[in-house]
C-alpha atoms as a PDB file:
ATOM      1  CA  UNK A   1    -100.866  32.746  -7.991  1.00  0.00           C
ATOM      2  CA  UNK A   2     -99.648  36.347  -7.555  1.00  0.00           C
ATOM      3  CA  UNK A   3    -101.515  39.201  -9.347  1.00  0.00           C
ATOM      4  CA  UNK A   4     -98.451  39.758 -11.548  1.00  0.00           C
ATOM      5  CA  UNK A   5     -98.258  36.103 -12.631  1.00  0.00           C
ATOM      6  CA  UNK A   6    -101.995  35.999 -13.242  1.00  0.00           C
ATOM      7  CA  UNK A   7    -101.778  39.117 -15.434  1.00  0.00           C
ATOM      8  CA  UNK A   8     -98.789  37.666 -17.289  1.00  0.00           C
ATOM      9  CA  UNK A   9    -100.623  34.397 -18.092  1.00  0.00           C
ATOM     10  CA  UNK A  10    -103.788  36.177 -19.239  1.00  0.00           C
ATOM     11  CA  UNK A  11    -101.709  38.556 -21.355  1.00  0.00           C
ATOM     12  CA  UNK A  12    -100.022  35.573 -23.049  1.00  0.00           C
ATOM     13  CA  UNK A  13    -103.442  34.031 -23.591  1.00  0.00           C
ATOM     14  CA  UNK A  14    -104.674  37.153 -25.404  1.00  0.00           C
ATOM     15  CA  UNK A  15    -101.526  37.352 -27.571  1.00  0.00           C
ATOM     16  CA  UNK A  16    -101.712  33.658 -28.496  1.00  0.00           C
ATOM     17  CA  UNK A  17    -105.405  33.980 -29.416  1.00  0.00           C
ATOM     18  CA  UNK A  18    -104.698  37.004 -31.625  1.00  0.00           C
ATOM     19  CA  UNK A  19    -101.867  35.135 -33.388  1.00  0.00           C
ATOM     20  CA  UNK A  20    -104.105  32.133 -34.103  1.00  0.00           C
ATOM     21  CA  UNK A  21    -106.935  34.243 -35.523  1.00  0.00           C
ATOM     22  CA  UNK A  22    -104.583  36.387 -37.637  1.00  0.00           C
ATOM     23  CA  UNK A  23    -102.633  33.432 -39.056  1.00  0.00           C
ATOM     24  CA  UNK A  24    -105.806  31.509 -39.828  1.00  0.00           C
ATOM     25  CA  UNK A  25    -107.288  34.452 -41.731  1.00  0.00           C
ATOM     26  CA  UNK A  26    -104.101  34.773 -43.815  1.00  0.00           C
ATOM     27  CA  UNK A  27    -103.758  31.051 -44.516  1.00  0.00           C
ATOM     28  CA  UNK A  28    -107.429  30.630 -45.421  1.00  0.00           C
ATOM     29  CA  UNK A  29    -106.946  32.716 -48.547  1.00  0.00           C
ATOM     30  CA  UNK A  30    -104.546  30.094 -49.931  1.00  0.00           C
ATOM     31  CA  UNK A  31    -105.864  27.195 -52.015  1.00  0.00           C
ATOM     32  CA  UNK A  32    -106.895  24.175 -49.938  1.00  0.00           C
ATOM     33  CA  UNK A  33    -104.954  21.053 -50.916  1.00  0.00           C
ATOM     34  CA  UNK A  34    -105.568  17.665 -49.256  1.00  0.00           C
ATOM     35  CA  UNK A  35    -102.539  15.361 -49.276  1.00  0.00           C
ATOM     36  CA  UNK A  36    -102.511  12.205 -47.241  1.00  0.00           C
ATOM     37  CA  UNK A  37     -99.719  12.803 -44.749  1.00  0.00           C
ATOM     38  CA  UNK A  38     -99.715  12.852 -40.954  1.00  0.00           C
ATOM     39  CA  UNK A  39    -100.989  16.438 -40.879  1.00  0.00           C
ATOM     40  CA  UNK A  40    -104.352  17.155 -39.294  1.00  0.00           C
ATOM     41  CA  UNK A  41    -107.367  18.315 -41.306  1.00  0.00           C
ATOM     42  CA  UNK A  42    -106.870  21.889 -40.071  1.00  0.00           C
ATOM     43  CA  UNK A  43    -103.180  21.935 -41.082  1.00  0.00           C
ATOM     44  CA  UNK A  44    -104.079  20.766 -44.590  1.00  0.00           C
ATOM     45  CA  UNK A  45    -106.531  23.628 -44.897  1.00  0.00           C
ATOM     46  CA  UNK A  46    -104.083  26.234 -43.585  1.00  0.00           C
ATOM     47  CA  UNK A  47    -106.041  26.693 -40.352  1.00  0.00           C
ATOM     48  CA  UNK A  48    -103.952  27.050 -37.196  1.00  0.00           C
ATOM     49  CA  UNK A  49    -105.707  25.057 -34.499  1.00  0.00           C
ATOM     50  CA  UNK A  50    -104.634  25.459 -30.840  1.00  0.00           C
ATOM     51  CA  UNK A  51    -102.453  22.564 -29.690  1.00  0.00           C
ATOM     52  CA  UNK A  52    -103.289  20.703 -26.524  1.00  0.00           C
ATOM     53  CA  UNK A  53    -100.459  21.047 -23.958  1.00  0.00           C
ATOM     54  CA  UNK A  54     -98.158  18.105 -23.381  1.00  0.00           C
ATOM     55  CA  UNK A  55     -98.765  15.982 -20.293  1.00  0.00           C
ATOM     56  CA  UNK A  56     -96.019  16.165 -17.624  1.00  0.00           C
ATOM     57  CA  UNK A  57     -94.337  12.972 -18.823  1.00  0.00           C
ATOM     58  CA  UNK A  58     -94.321  13.945 -22.515  1.00  0.00           C
ATOM     59  CA  UNK A  59     -93.124  17.440 -21.633  1.00  0.00           C
ATOM     60  CA  UNK A  60     -90.295  15.893 -19.611  1.00  0.00           C
ATOM     61  CA  UNK A  61     -89.481  13.575 -22.522  1.00  0.00           C
ATOM     62  CA  UNK A  62     -89.391  16.457 -25.046  1.00  0.00           C
ATOM     63  CA  UNK A  63     -87.135  18.490 -22.745  1.00  0.00           C
ATOM     64  CA  UNK A  64     -84.745  15.580 -22.256  1.00  0.00           C
ATOM     65  CA  UNK A  65     -84.658  14.518 -25.916  1.00  0.00           C
ATOM     66  CA  UNK A  66     -81.866  16.933 -27.093  1.00  0.00           C
ATOM     67  CA  UNK A  67     -79.601  15.823 -24.239  1.00  0.00           C
ATOM     68  CA  UNK A  68     -80.329  12.140 -24.903  1.00  0.00           C
ATOM     69  CA  UNK A  69     -79.518  12.452 -28.622  1.00  0.00           C
ATOM     70  CA  UNK A  70     -76.373  14.504 -27.914  1.00  0.00           C
ATOM     71  CA  UNK A  71     -75.140  11.852 -25.491  1.00  0.00           C
ATOM     72  CA  UNK A  72     -76.291   8.876 -27.636  1.00  0.00           C
ATOM     73  CA  UNK A  73     -76.338   9.952 -31.349  1.00  0.00           C
ATOM     74  CA  UNK A  74     -77.388   6.507 -32.615  1.00  0.00           C
ATOM     75  CA  UNK A  75     -80.217   5.986 -30.116  1.00  0.00           C
ATOM     76  CA  UNK A  76     -83.563   4.778 -31.508  1.00  0.00           C
ATOM     77  CA  UNK A  77     -86.935   6.340 -30.667  1.00  0.00           C
ATOM     78  CA  UNK A  78     -87.908   3.264 -28.672  1.00  0.00           C
ATOM     79  CA  UNK A  79     -84.692   3.415 -26.631  1.00  0.00           C
ATOM     80  CA  UNK A  80     -85.166   7.150 -26.032  1.00  0.00           C
ATOM     81  CA  UNK A  81     -88.679   6.551 -24.697  1.00  0.00           C
ATOM     82  CA  UNK A  82     -87.432   3.734 -22.444  1.00  0.00           C
ATOM     83  CA  UNK A  83     -84.641   5.976 -21.131  1.00  0.00           C
ATOM     84  CA  UNK A  84     -87.086   8.847 -20.476  1.00  0.00           C
ATOM     85  CA  UNK A  85     -89.562   6.517 -18.775  1.00  0.00           C
ATOM     86  CA  UNK A  86     -86.845   5.158 -16.469  1.00  0.00           C
ATOM     87  CA  UNK A  87     -85.659   8.655 -15.458  1.00  0.00           C
ATOM     88  CA  UNK A  88     -89.236   9.908 -15.095  1.00  0.00           C
ATOM     89  CA  UNK A  89     -89.871   7.203 -12.504  1.00  0.00           C
ATOM     90  CA  UNK A  90     -86.742   8.324 -10.629  1.00  0.00           C
ATOM     91  CA  UNK A  91     -87.814  11.982 -10.665  1.00  0.00           C
ATOM     92  CA  UNK A  92     -88.607  13.433  -7.221  1.00  0.00           C
ATOM     93  CA  UNK A  93     -92.245  13.932  -6.225  1.00  0.00           C
ATOM     94  CA  UNK A  94     -91.851  17.703  -5.774  1.00  0.00           C
ATOM     95  CA  UNK A  95     -90.704  18.234  -9.379  1.00  0.00           C
ATOM     96  CA  UNK A  96     -93.517  16.016 -10.686  1.00  0.00           C
ATOM     97  CA  UNK A  97     -96.074  17.930  -8.617  1.00  0.00           C
ATOM     98  CA  UNK A  98     -94.786  21.265  -9.969  1.00  0.00           C
ATOM     99  CA  UNK A  99     -94.965  19.971 -13.563  1.00  0.00           C
ATOM    100  CA  UNK A 100     -98.507  18.712 -12.933  1.00  0.00           C
ATOM    101  CA  UNK A 101     -99.511  22.163 -11.642  1.00  0.00           C
ATOM    102  CA  UNK A 102     -98.045  23.836 -14.745  1.00  0.00           C
ATOM    103  CA  UNK A 103     -99.866  21.330 -16.970  1.00  0.00           C
ATOM    104  CA  UNK A 104    -103.212  22.058 -15.271  1.00  0.00           C
ATOM    105  CA  UNK A 105    -102.706  25.824 -15.783  1.00  0.00           C
ATOM    106  CA  UNK A 106    -101.705  25.297 -19.420  1.00  0.00           C
ATOM    107  CA  UNK A 107    -104.773  23.097 -19.876  1.00  0.00           C
ATOM    108  CA  UNK A 108    -107.037  25.860 -18.542  1.00  0.00           C
ATOM    109  CA  UNK A 109    -105.491  28.335 -21.001  1.00  0.00           C
ATOM    110  CA  UNK A 110    -105.833  25.820 -23.825  1.00  0.00           C
ATOM    111  CA  UNK A 111    -109.555  25.334 -23.141  1.00  0.00           C
ATOM    112  CA  UNK A 112    -110.128  29.100 -23.272  1.00  0.00           C
ATOM    113  CA  UNK A 113    -108.177  29.460 -26.530  1.00  0.00           C
ATOM    114  CA  UNK A 114    -109.933  26.437 -28.041  1.00  0.00           C
ATOM    115  CA  UNK A 115    -113.341  27.896 -27.195  1.00  0.00           C
ATOM    116  CA  UNK A 116    -112.449  31.174 -28.932  1.00  0.00           C
ATOM    117  CA  UNK A 117    -111.033  29.247 -31.884  1.00  0.00           C
ATOM    118  CA  UNK A 118    -114.199  27.154 -32.356  1.00  0.00           C
ATOM    119  CA  UNK A 119    -116.436  30.233 -32.136  1.00  0.00           C
ATOM    120  CA  UNK A 120    -114.348  32.037 -34.765  1.00  0.00           C
ATOM    121  CA  UNK A 121    -114.669  29.294 -37.407  1.00  0.00           C
ATOM    122  CA  UNK A 122    -116.971  30.101 -40.324  1.00  0.00           C
ATOM    123  CA  UNK A 123    -119.565  27.616 -41.605  1.00  0.00           C
ATOM    124  CA  UNK A 124    -117.419  27.140 -44.712  1.00  0.00           C
ATOM    125  CA  UNK A 125    -114.360  26.300 -42.627  1.00  0.00           C
ATOM    126  CA  UNK A 126    -116.334  23.856 -40.471  1.00  0.00           C
ATOM    127  CA  UNK A 127    -117.670  22.120 -43.584  1.00  0.00           C
ATOM    128  CA  UNK A 128    -114.178  21.887 -45.098  1.00  0.00           C
ATOM    129  CA  UNK A 129    -112.703  20.495 -41.863  1.00  0.00           C
ATOM    130  CA  UNK A 130    -115.422  17.823 -41.732  1.00  0.00           C
ATOM    131  CA  UNK A 131    -114.871  16.952 -45.402  1.00  0.00           C
ATOM    132  CA  UNK A 132    -111.096  16.533 -44.974  1.00  0.00           C
ATOM    133  CA  UNK A 133    -111.541  14.531 -41.762  1.00  0.00           C
ATOM    134  CA  UNK A 134    -113.896  12.176 -43.604  1.00  0.00           C
ATOM    135  CA  UNK A 135    -111.356  11.834 -46.440  1.00  0.00           C
ATOM    136  CA  UNK A 136    -108.581  11.057 -43.947  1.00  0.00           C
ATOM    137  CA  UNK A 137    -110.723   8.482 -42.146  1.00  0.00           C
ATOM    138  CA  UNK A 138    -111.605   6.818 -45.465  1.00  0.00           C
ATOM    139  CA  UNK A 139    -107.943   6.784 -46.572  1.00  0.00           C
ATOM    140  CA  UNK A 140    -106.912   5.290 -43.231  1.00  0.00           C
ATOM    141  CA  UNK A 141    -109.541   2.575 -43.559  1.00  0.00           C
ATOM    142  CA  UNK A 142    -108.346   1.752 -47.088  1.00  0.00           C
ATOM    143  CA  UNK A 143    -104.722   1.453 -45.906  1.00  0.00           C
ATOM    144  CA  UNK A 144    -105.803  -0.783 -43.049  1.00  0.00           C
ATOM    145  CA  UNK A 145    -107.855  -2.963 -45.406  1.00  0.00           C
ATOM    146  CA  UNK A 146    -105.000  -3.175 -47.927  1.00  0.00           C
ATOM    147  CA  UNK A 147    -102.613  -4.273 -45.170  1.00  0.00           C
ATOM    148  CA  UNK A 148    -105.128  -6.863 -43.982  1.00  0.00           C
ATOM    149  CA  UNK A 149    -105.615  -8.232 -47.518  1.00  0.00           C
ATOM    150  CA  UNK A 150    -101.850  -8.626 -47.864  1.00  0.00           C
ATOM    151  CA  UNK A 151    -101.562 -10.350 -44.489  1.00  0.00           C
ATOM    152  CA  UNK A 152    -104.388 -12.775 -45.342  1.00  0.00           C
ATOM    153  CA  UNK A 153    -102.888 -13.575 -48.747  1.00  0.00           C
ATOM    154  CA  UNK A 154    -105.574 -12.110 -51.006  1.00  0.00           C
ATOM    155  CA  UNK A 155    -104.665 -12.691 -54.701  1.00  0.00           C
ATOM    156  CA  UNK A 156    -103.502  -9.564 -56.514  1.00  0.00           C
ATOM    157  CA  UNK A 157    -105.273  -8.462 -59.667  1.00  0.00           C
ATOM    158  CA  UNK A 158    -103.030  -9.160 -62.699  1.00  0.00           C
ATOM    159  CA  UNK A 159    -101.685  -6.582 -65.129  1.00  0.00           C
ATOM    160  CA  UNK A 160    -103.488  -5.631 -68.314  1.00  0.00           C
ATOM    161  CA  UNK A 161    -102.080  -6.533 -71.734  1.00  0.00           C
ATOM    162  CA  UNK A 162    -100.619  -3.025 -72.058  1.00  0.00           C
ATOM    163  CA  UNK A 163     -98.735  -3.230 -68.757  1.00  0.00           C
ATOM    164  CA  UNK A 164     -97.500  -6.711 -69.616  1.00  0.00           C
ATOM    165  CA  UNK A 165     -96.063  -5.168 -72.770  1.00  0.00           C
ATOM    166  CA  UNK A 166     -94.463  -2.373 -70.720  1.00  0.00           C
ATOM    167  CA  UNK A 167     -92.949  -5.004 -68.462  1.00  0.00           C
ATOM    168  CA  UNK A 168     -91.344  -6.650 -71.480  1.00  0.00           C
ATOM    169  CA  UNK A 169     -89.548  -3.348 -72.148  1.00  0.00           C
ATOM    170  CA  UNK A 170     -88.225  -3.026 -68.585  1.00  0.00           C
ATOM    171  CA  UNK A 171     -84.640  -3.761 -69.685  1.00  0.00           C
ATOM    172  CA  UNK A 172     -84.621  -0.403 -71.471  1.00  0.00           C
ATOM    173  CA  UNK A 173     -86.043   1.311 -68.405  1.00  0.00           C
ATOM    174  CA  UNK A 174     -84.008   4.044 -66.757  1.00  0.00           C
ATOM    175  CA  UNK A 175     -85.216   5.122 -63.323  1.00  0.00           C
ATOM    176  CA  UNK A 176     -84.074   8.675 -64.060  1.00  0.00           C
ATOM    177  CA  UNK A 177     -86.061   8.835 -67.307  1.00  0.00           C
ATOM    178  CA  UNK A 178     -89.489   7.516 -66.272  1.00  0.00           C
ATOM    179  CA  UNK A 179     -91.432  10.042 -68.322  1.00  0.00           C
ATOM    180  CA  UNK A 180     -89.424   9.245 -71.480  1.00  0.00           C
ATOM    181  CA  UNK A 181     -89.941   5.524 -70.915  1.00  0.00           C
ATOM    182  CA  UNK A 182     -93.713   5.954 -70.535  1.00  0.00           C
ATOM    183  CA  UNK A 183     -93.904   7.943 -73.776  1.00  0.00           C
ATOM    184  CA  UNK A 184     -91.757   5.374 -75.587  1.00  0.00           C
ATOM    185  CA  UNK A 185     -93.856   2.441 -74.325  1.00  0.00           C
ATOM    186  CA  UNK A 186     -97.080   4.159 -75.362  1.00  0.00           C
ATOM    187  CA  UNK A 187     -95.693   4.883 -78.813  1.00  0.00           C
ATOM    188  CA  UNK A 188     -94.418   1.309 -79.281  1.00  0.00           C
ATOM    189  CA  UNK A 189     -97.748  -0.125 -78.142  1.00  0.00           C
ATOM    190  CA  UNK A 190     -99.732   1.891 -80.709  1.00  0.00           C
ATOM    191  CA  UNK A 191     -97.346   0.702 -83.453  1.00  0.00           C
ATOM    192  CA  UNK A 192     -97.576  -2.953 -82.383  1.00  0.00           C
ATOM    193  CA  UNK A 193     -99.259  -5.083 -85.084  1.00  0.00           C
ATOM    194  CA  UNK A 194    -102.428  -7.030 -84.107  1.00  0.00           C
ATOM    195  CA  UNK A 195    -100.599 -10.357 -84.521  1.00  0.00           C
ATOM    196  CA  UNK A 196     -98.150  -9.304 -81.768  1.00  0.00           C
ATOM    197  CA  UNK A 197    -100.677  -7.559 -79.543  1.00  0.00           C
ATOM    198  CA  UNK A 198    -102.896 -10.649 -79.392  1.00  0.00           C
ATOM    199  CA  UNK A 199    -100.117 -12.489 -77.527  1.00  0.00           C
ATOM    200  CA  UNK A 200    -100.271  -9.974 -74.687  1.00  0.00           C
ATOM    201  CA  UNK A 201    -104.094 -10.018 -74.747  1.00  0.00           C
ATOM    202  CA  UNK A 202    -104.089 -13.806 -74.389  1.00  0.00           C
ATOM    203  CA  UNK A 203    -101.565 -13.766 -71.569  1.00  0.00           C
ATOM    204  CA  UNK A 204    -103.560 -11.085 -69.749  1.00  0.00           C
ATOM    205  CA  UNK A 205    -106.763 -13.110 -70.161  1.00  0.00           C
ATOM    206  CA  UNK A 206    -105.098 -16.300 -68.877  1.00  0.00           C
ATOM    207  CA  UNK A 207    -103.797 -14.449 -65.846  1.00  0.00           C
ATOM    208  CA  UNK A 208    -107.240 -12.931 -65.230  1.00  0.00           C
ATOM    209  CA  UNK A 209    -108.920 -16.353 -65.388  1.00  0.00           C
ATOM    210  CA  UNK A 210    -106.419 -17.714 -62.866  1.00  0.00           C
ATOM    211  CA  UNK A 211    -106.922 -14.663 -60.657  1.00  0.00           C
ATOM    212  CA  UNK A 212    -110.702 -15.171 -60.605  1.00  0.00           C
ATOM    213  CA  UNK A 213    -110.303 -18.819 -59.555  1.00  0.00           C
ATOM    214  CA  UNK A 214    -107.741 -17.924 -56.880  1.00  0.00           C
ATOM    215  CA  UNK A 215    -109.946 -15.093 -55.617  1.00  0.00           C
ATOM    216  CA  UNK A 216    -112.981 -17.369 -55.382  1.00  0.00           C
ATOM    217  CA  UNK A 217    -110.943 -19.954 -53.419  1.00  0.00           C
ATOM    218  CA  UNK A 218    -109.638 -17.197 -51.133  1.00  0.00           C
ATOM    219  CA  UNK A 219    -113.152 -15.889 -50.493  1.00  0.00           C
ATOM    220  CA  UNK A 220    -114.366 -19.383 -49.584  1.00  0.00           C
ATOM    221  CA  UNK A 221    -111.494 -19.551 -47.084  1.00  0.00           C
ATOM    222  CA  UNK A 222    -112.483 -16.151 -45.654  1.00  0.00           C
ATOM    223  CA  UNK A 223    -116.106 -17.312 -45.258  1.00  0.00           C
ATOM    224  CA  UNK A 224    -114.915 -20.393 -43.371  1.00  0.00           C
ATOM    225  CA  UNK A 225    -112.913 -18.053 -41.098  1.00  0.00           C
ATOM    226  CA  UNK A 226    -115.999 -15.927 -40.464  1.00  0.00           C
ATOM    227  CA  UNK A 227    -114.602 -12.922 -42.363  1.00  0.00           C
ATOM    228  CA  UNK A 228    -117.671 -12.176 -44.485  1.00  0.00           C
ATOM    229  CA  UNK A 229    -116.708  -8.490 -44.363  1.00  0.00           C
ATOM    230  CA  UNK A 230    -113.795  -9.221 -46.733  1.00  0.00           C
ATOM    231  CA  UNK A 231    -115.869 -11.069 -49.320  1.00  0.00           C
ATOM    232  CA  UNK A 232    -117.347  -9.291 -52.336  1.00  0.00           C
ATOM    233  CA  UNK A 233    -121.087  -8.650 -52.250  1.00  0.00           C
ATOM    234  CA  UNK A 234    -122.805 -10.991 -54.696  1.00  0.00           C
ATOM    235  CA  UNK A 235    -125.244  -9.295 -57.132  1.00  0.00           C
ATOM    236  CA  UNK A 236    -128.933 -10.015 -56.415  1.00  0.00           C
ATOM    237  CA  UNK A 237    -131.403 -11.311 -59.011  1.00  0.00           C
ATOM    238  CA  UNK A 238    -133.002  -7.844 -59.273  1.00  0.00           C
ATOM    239  CA  UNK A 239    -129.650  -6.133 -59.984  1.00  0.00           C
ATOM    240  CA  UNK A 240    -128.888  -8.774 -62.631  1.00  0.00           C
ATOM    241  CA  UNK A 241    -132.240  -8.075 -64.324  1.00  0.00           C
ATOM    242  CA  UNK A 242    -131.494  -4.336 -64.331  1.00  0.00           C
ATOM    243  CA  UNK A 243    -128.087  -4.940 -65.902  1.00  0.00           C
ATOM    244  CA  UNK A 244    -129.665  -7.065 -68.658  1.00  0.00           C
ATOM    245  CA  UNK A 245    -132.395  -4.499 -69.350  1.00  0.00           C
ATOM    246  CA  UNK A 246    -129.742  -1.762 -69.660  1.00  0.00           C
END
């Protein structure tokens, strides 16, 4: 690498590092809000974390994407990847070697920037990043478990008497006036005489009894399949005694 190119790369490294530190300081002042999207923990907290450079293939794919879409407007993501993969295999060795060299240089720069970034984080920022990462991991596990329950046919918990009543009013529901409907349903429910409300209470109880039987049968099936991890933990004798004493 020529002295000029080396200076140019190091100069870019210094500028990029300054931008990251400045933007992070500005964003950190803002209130931290955690919403479960595809954003990283740092992005949710307004912290600009250095991005790892794209590998040669993914860089090639990102460069080719605009041309692919322009030529094939209705192309799917899967088809675009297949097209890129096919043309990547046909790419000459010299171009691939040059892209690999550039990637290795970018990776060196990234490691330097990342090291500066990690050293600049405060204890408070580190704690917040860990907290959000834990929240994201827990949310991901819950989504995975929910999907697995659905796939294995786990019975769904029935609606309460109030929501059964709301369901009976669904004909008057207007998707554009959800708030008004909720207020109306709440008002109607409070005005409902006991003789009418008991009907919904009974229906809710019947559905709950059926749900408990179905759930027990489902759990027996899960035990037979060796999926003890999906079965509810049964209360021990000691915990039952504590509950009675309370």
